[in-house]
N, C-alpha and C. Protein backbone atom coordinates (compact mmCIF):
# COMPACT_ATOMS: atom_id res chain seq x y z
N MET A 1 27.50 -237.62 74.14
CA MET A 1 26.59 -238.72 73.86
C MET A 1 27.13 -239.45 72.63
N PHE A 2 27.22 -240.77 72.71
CA PHE A 2 27.72 -241.52 71.57
C PHE A 2 26.69 -242.47 71.00
N HIS A 3 25.63 -242.75 71.71
CA HIS A 3 24.61 -243.69 71.23
C HIS A 3 23.25 -243.02 71.35
N LEU A 4 22.52 -243.03 70.25
CA LEU A 4 21.17 -242.47 70.24
C LEU A 4 20.30 -243.40 69.42
N LYS A 5 19.32 -243.98 70.07
CA LYS A 5 18.39 -244.89 69.40
C LYS A 5 17.01 -244.29 69.59
N THR A 6 16.62 -243.43 68.66
CA THR A 6 15.37 -242.68 68.82
C THR A 6 14.12 -243.55 68.80
N GLN A 7 14.14 -244.67 68.05
CA GLN A 7 12.93 -245.50 67.98
C GLN A 7 12.58 -246.13 69.32
N CYS A 8 13.55 -246.31 70.22
CA CYS A 8 13.22 -246.86 71.54
C CYS A 8 13.63 -245.91 72.67
N ASN A 9 13.96 -244.67 72.33
CA ASN A 9 14.26 -243.62 73.31
C ASN A 9 15.38 -244.00 74.28
N VAL A 10 16.50 -244.47 73.76
CA VAL A 10 17.66 -244.83 74.57
C VAL A 10 18.86 -244.00 74.13
N ILE A 11 19.60 -243.48 75.11
CA ILE A 11 20.87 -242.80 74.83
C ILE A 11 21.95 -243.44 75.69
N ALA A 12 23.19 -243.28 75.27
CA ALA A 12 24.33 -243.73 76.07
C ALA A 12 25.45 -242.73 75.90
N PHE A 13 26.26 -242.60 76.94
CA PHE A 13 27.41 -241.73 76.82
C PHE A 13 28.56 -242.27 77.65
N HIS A 14 29.74 -241.80 77.33
CA HIS A 14 31.00 -242.25 77.93
C HIS A 14 31.60 -241.06 78.68
N ARG A 15 31.99 -241.29 79.93
CA ARG A 15 32.63 -240.25 80.74
C ARG A 15 33.96 -240.79 81.25
N TRP A 16 34.96 -239.92 81.37
CA TRP A 16 36.27 -240.33 81.85
C TRP A 16 37.06 -239.09 82.26
N ASP A 17 38.13 -239.33 82.99
CA ASP A 17 39.07 -238.27 83.33
C ASP A 17 40.31 -238.45 82.45
N ARG A 18 41.05 -239.53 82.72
CA ARG A 18 42.25 -239.82 81.91
C ARG A 18 42.05 -241.04 81.02
N GLY A 19 41.01 -241.80 81.28
CA GLY A 19 40.71 -242.99 80.47
C GLY A 19 41.41 -244.22 81.00
N GLY A 20 40.85 -245.37 80.67
CA GLY A 20 41.44 -246.64 81.10
C GLY A 20 40.72 -247.24 82.28
N PRO A 21 41.14 -248.46 82.67
CA PRO A 21 40.49 -249.17 83.78
C PRO A 21 40.45 -248.31 85.05
N GLY A 22 39.30 -248.32 85.70
CA GLY A 22 39.12 -247.55 86.93
C GLY A 22 38.75 -246.10 86.69
N ASP A 23 38.68 -245.69 85.43
CA ASP A 23 38.41 -244.29 85.13
C ASP A 23 37.26 -244.11 84.13
N ASP A 24 37.03 -245.08 83.26
CA ASP A 24 35.99 -245.00 82.24
C ASP A 24 34.63 -245.40 82.79
N VAL A 25 33.59 -244.69 82.38
CA VAL A 25 32.22 -245.00 82.76
C VAL A 25 31.34 -244.94 81.51
N VAL A 26 30.47 -245.94 81.35
CA VAL A 26 29.47 -245.94 80.29
C VAL A 26 28.11 -245.84 80.95
N VAL A 27 27.32 -244.85 80.55
CA VAL A 27 25.99 -244.62 81.10
C VAL A 27 24.96 -244.88 80.01
N ILE A 28 23.96 -245.70 80.32
CA ILE A 28 22.87 -246.00 79.39
C ILE A 28 21.58 -245.52 80.04
N ALA A 29 20.81 -244.72 79.33
CA ALA A 29 19.57 -244.18 79.88
C ALA A 29 18.41 -244.45 78.93
N SER A 30 17.32 -244.98 79.50
CA SER A 30 16.10 -245.23 78.73
C SER A 30 15.04 -244.22 79.12
N PHE A 31 14.44 -243.61 78.10
CA PHE A 31 13.36 -242.66 78.30
C PHE A 31 12.06 -243.23 77.73
N SER A 32 11.98 -244.55 77.75
CA SER A 32 10.82 -245.25 77.20
C SER A 32 10.02 -245.89 78.33
N HIS A 33 8.71 -246.06 78.10
CA HIS A 33 7.87 -246.73 79.09
C HIS A 33 7.96 -248.25 78.96
N GLN A 34 8.69 -248.74 77.96
CA GLN A 34 8.85 -250.19 77.76
C GLN A 34 10.28 -250.62 78.06
N PRO A 35 10.46 -251.81 78.63
CA PRO A 35 11.82 -252.30 78.86
C PRO A 35 12.54 -252.57 77.54
N GLN A 36 13.83 -252.42 77.55
CA GLN A 36 14.67 -252.72 76.39
C GLN A 36 15.48 -253.97 76.75
N GLU A 37 15.09 -255.10 76.21
CA GLU A 37 15.69 -256.39 76.59
C GLU A 37 17.13 -256.56 76.12
N ASN A 38 17.47 -256.01 74.96
CA ASN A 38 18.78 -256.26 74.37
C ASN A 38 19.32 -254.97 73.76
N CYS A 39 19.73 -254.06 74.60
CA CYS A 39 20.24 -252.78 74.15
C CYS A 39 21.75 -252.92 73.92
N ILE A 40 22.17 -252.77 72.67
CA ILE A 40 23.58 -252.92 72.31
C ILE A 40 24.20 -251.53 72.16
N VAL A 41 25.30 -251.29 72.89
CA VAL A 41 25.98 -250.00 72.83
C VAL A 41 27.48 -250.22 72.64
N GLY A 42 28.14 -249.20 72.12
CA GLY A 42 29.58 -249.25 71.97
C GLY A 42 30.28 -249.13 73.31
N CYS A 43 31.48 -249.72 73.38
CA CYS A 43 32.30 -249.65 74.59
C CYS A 43 33.73 -249.27 74.20
N PRO A 44 34.39 -248.43 74.99
CA PRO A 44 35.73 -247.98 74.66
C PRO A 44 36.79 -249.08 74.76
N ALA A 45 36.49 -250.15 75.49
CA ALA A 45 37.46 -251.23 75.66
C ALA A 45 36.73 -252.56 75.83
N ALA A 46 37.45 -253.63 75.54
CA ALA A 46 36.89 -254.98 75.66
C ALA A 46 36.87 -255.43 77.12
N ASN A 47 36.29 -256.59 77.31
CA ASN A 47 36.20 -257.28 78.60
C ASN A 47 35.00 -256.81 79.41
N ARG A 48 35.04 -257.05 80.68
CA ARG A 48 33.88 -256.85 81.55
C ARG A 48 33.75 -255.41 82.02
N TRP A 49 32.54 -254.87 81.85
CA TRP A 49 32.17 -253.58 82.41
C TRP A 49 31.17 -253.87 83.53
N ILE A 50 31.55 -253.54 84.75
CA ILE A 50 30.77 -253.90 85.93
C ILE A 50 29.60 -252.93 86.11
N LEU A 51 28.41 -253.51 86.29
CA LEU A 51 27.21 -252.70 86.55
C LEU A 51 27.32 -252.14 87.97
N ARG A 52 27.45 -250.83 88.07
CA ARG A 52 27.60 -250.16 89.37
C ARG A 52 26.29 -249.60 89.89
N PHE A 53 25.37 -249.28 88.96
CA PHE A 53 24.11 -248.66 89.36
C PHE A 53 23.03 -249.04 88.37
N ASN A 54 21.88 -249.45 88.89
CA ASN A 54 20.69 -249.75 88.08
C ASN A 54 19.51 -249.08 88.78
N SER A 55 19.01 -248.00 88.21
CA SER A 55 17.92 -247.26 88.87
C SER A 55 16.59 -248.01 88.85
N ASP A 56 16.52 -249.14 88.14
CA ASP A 56 15.30 -249.94 88.08
C ASP A 56 15.30 -251.06 89.13
N TRP A 57 16.28 -251.10 90.00
CA TRP A 57 16.43 -252.13 91.02
C TRP A 57 15.26 -252.10 92.01
N HIS A 58 14.73 -253.28 92.33
CA HIS A 58 13.61 -253.40 93.29
C HIS A 58 13.94 -252.81 94.65
N GLY A 59 15.21 -252.81 95.02
CA GLY A 59 15.61 -252.28 96.32
C GLY A 59 15.29 -250.80 96.50
N TYR A 60 15.16 -250.07 95.41
CA TYR A 60 14.80 -248.65 95.51
C TYR A 60 13.31 -248.46 95.70
N ASN A 61 12.53 -249.34 95.05
CA ASN A 61 11.08 -249.23 95.15
C ASN A 61 10.46 -250.52 94.65
N ALA A 62 9.53 -251.08 95.39
CA ALA A 62 8.89 -252.35 95.01
C ALA A 62 8.09 -252.23 93.72
N PHE A 63 7.74 -251.02 93.32
CA PHE A 63 6.97 -250.82 92.10
C PHE A 63 7.85 -250.83 90.84
N PHE A 64 9.17 -250.75 91.02
CA PHE A 64 10.07 -250.79 89.85
C PHE A 64 10.03 -252.19 89.26
N ASP A 65 10.24 -252.28 87.94
CA ASP A 65 10.20 -253.56 87.24
C ASP A 65 11.31 -254.52 87.66
N GLY A 66 12.48 -253.98 87.99
CA GLY A 66 13.59 -254.85 88.36
C GLY A 66 14.08 -255.68 87.19
N LEU A 67 14.07 -255.10 85.99
CA LEU A 67 14.54 -255.82 84.81
C LEU A 67 15.96 -256.33 85.04
N GLN A 68 16.20 -257.55 84.69
CA GLN A 68 17.52 -258.16 84.88
C GLN A 68 18.55 -257.46 83.99
N SER A 69 19.34 -256.63 84.60
CA SER A 69 20.46 -255.97 83.93
C SER A 69 21.72 -256.57 84.53
N ALA A 70 22.72 -256.76 83.70
CA ALA A 70 23.95 -257.40 84.16
C ALA A 70 25.15 -256.61 83.69
N ASP A 71 26.33 -257.06 84.11
CA ASP A 71 27.56 -256.46 83.61
C ASP A 71 27.58 -256.54 82.09
N LEU A 72 28.21 -255.57 81.46
CA LEU A 72 28.40 -255.60 80.02
C LEU A 72 29.62 -256.46 79.71
N ALA A 73 29.46 -257.41 78.83
CA ALA A 73 30.59 -258.22 78.35
C ALA A 73 30.97 -257.63 77.00
N ALA A 74 31.90 -256.69 76.99
CA ALA A 74 32.27 -255.99 75.77
C ALA A 74 33.17 -256.87 74.91
N LEU A 75 32.73 -257.08 73.68
CA LEU A 75 33.45 -257.91 72.72
C LEU A 75 33.91 -257.04 71.56
N PRO A 76 35.00 -257.44 70.89
CA PRO A 76 35.45 -256.69 69.72
C PRO A 76 34.33 -256.61 68.68
N GLY A 77 34.22 -255.48 68.06
CA GLY A 77 33.20 -255.23 67.04
C GLY A 77 32.80 -253.77 67.13
N GLU A 78 33.14 -253.00 66.13
CA GLU A 78 32.90 -251.56 66.17
C GLU A 78 31.42 -251.22 66.31
N ARG A 79 31.16 -250.25 67.17
CA ARG A 79 29.79 -249.78 67.38
C ARG A 79 29.86 -248.38 67.98
N ASP A 80 29.07 -247.48 67.49
CA ASP A 80 28.98 -246.12 68.03
C ASP A 80 30.34 -245.41 68.06
N GLY A 81 31.24 -245.76 67.16
CA GLY A 81 32.55 -245.13 67.12
C GLY A 81 33.57 -245.73 68.08
N PHE A 82 33.22 -246.81 68.75
CA PHE A 82 34.14 -247.49 69.67
C PHE A 82 34.53 -248.84 69.09
N PRO A 83 35.66 -249.39 69.53
CA PRO A 83 36.14 -250.66 68.97
C PRO A 83 35.40 -251.90 69.48
N CYS A 84 34.59 -251.75 70.51
CA CYS A 84 33.91 -252.90 71.12
C CYS A 84 32.44 -252.58 71.33
N GLN A 85 31.67 -253.63 71.69
CA GLN A 85 30.25 -253.45 71.96
C GLN A 85 29.79 -254.44 73.01
N GLY A 86 28.76 -254.04 73.74
CA GLY A 86 28.17 -254.89 74.77
C GLY A 86 26.67 -254.72 74.78
N SER A 87 25.98 -255.67 75.40
CA SER A 87 24.53 -255.68 75.41
C SER A 87 24.01 -255.80 76.84
N SER A 88 22.93 -255.09 77.11
CA SER A 88 22.32 -255.15 78.44
C SER A 88 20.83 -254.85 78.34
N GLY A 89 20.06 -255.35 79.28
CA GLY A 89 18.66 -254.98 79.41
C GLY A 89 18.56 -253.70 80.19
N VAL A 90 17.64 -252.83 79.77
CA VAL A 90 17.45 -251.55 80.46
C VAL A 90 15.97 -251.41 80.77
N GLY A 91 15.64 -251.17 82.03
CA GLY A 91 14.26 -251.02 82.45
C GLY A 91 13.63 -249.73 81.95
N PRO A 92 12.31 -249.63 82.03
CA PRO A 92 11.62 -248.41 81.61
C PRO A 92 12.07 -247.20 82.45
N TYR A 93 12.27 -246.09 81.79
CA TYR A 93 12.66 -244.85 82.45
C TYR A 93 13.76 -245.05 83.48
N SER A 94 14.83 -245.74 83.09
CA SER A 94 15.88 -246.02 84.05
C SER A 94 17.26 -245.75 83.47
N VAL A 95 18.26 -245.81 84.36
CA VAL A 95 19.65 -245.54 84.01
C VAL A 95 20.53 -246.66 84.52
N LEU A 96 21.51 -247.04 83.71
CA LEU A 96 22.54 -247.99 84.11
C LEU A 96 23.89 -247.29 84.06
N ILE A 97 24.75 -247.58 85.02
CA ILE A 97 26.11 -247.05 85.01
C ILE A 97 27.05 -248.25 85.13
N ASP A 98 27.95 -248.38 84.15
CA ASP A 98 28.94 -249.47 84.12
C ASP A 98 30.34 -248.86 84.09
N SER A 99 31.29 -249.54 84.74
CA SER A 99 32.69 -249.10 84.68
C SER A 99 33.61 -250.31 84.70
N GLN A 100 34.86 -250.07 84.32
CA GLN A 100 35.85 -251.15 84.36
C GLN A 100 36.69 -251.03 85.58
């Protein structure tokens, strides 16, 4: 785990095998009953991190909020021990998975 924001109950972590494009994954998880509109987390590399999974998507259940979550646009700027950072909305009690 590399990101812990206790005041809004959000964690993020980075998973990889060898690292680099096609291998790195950033997971953001919210354990809050409120949506997080602008959750900023560190990213291991710059450029676009594609949103592969959003557990708050309406397609899973019509009762989900469907908060607009998008790809992470990672820009230079140190955060959480990484050289880059990106921002995304995270729905209540949901998980986002992004990869390059």
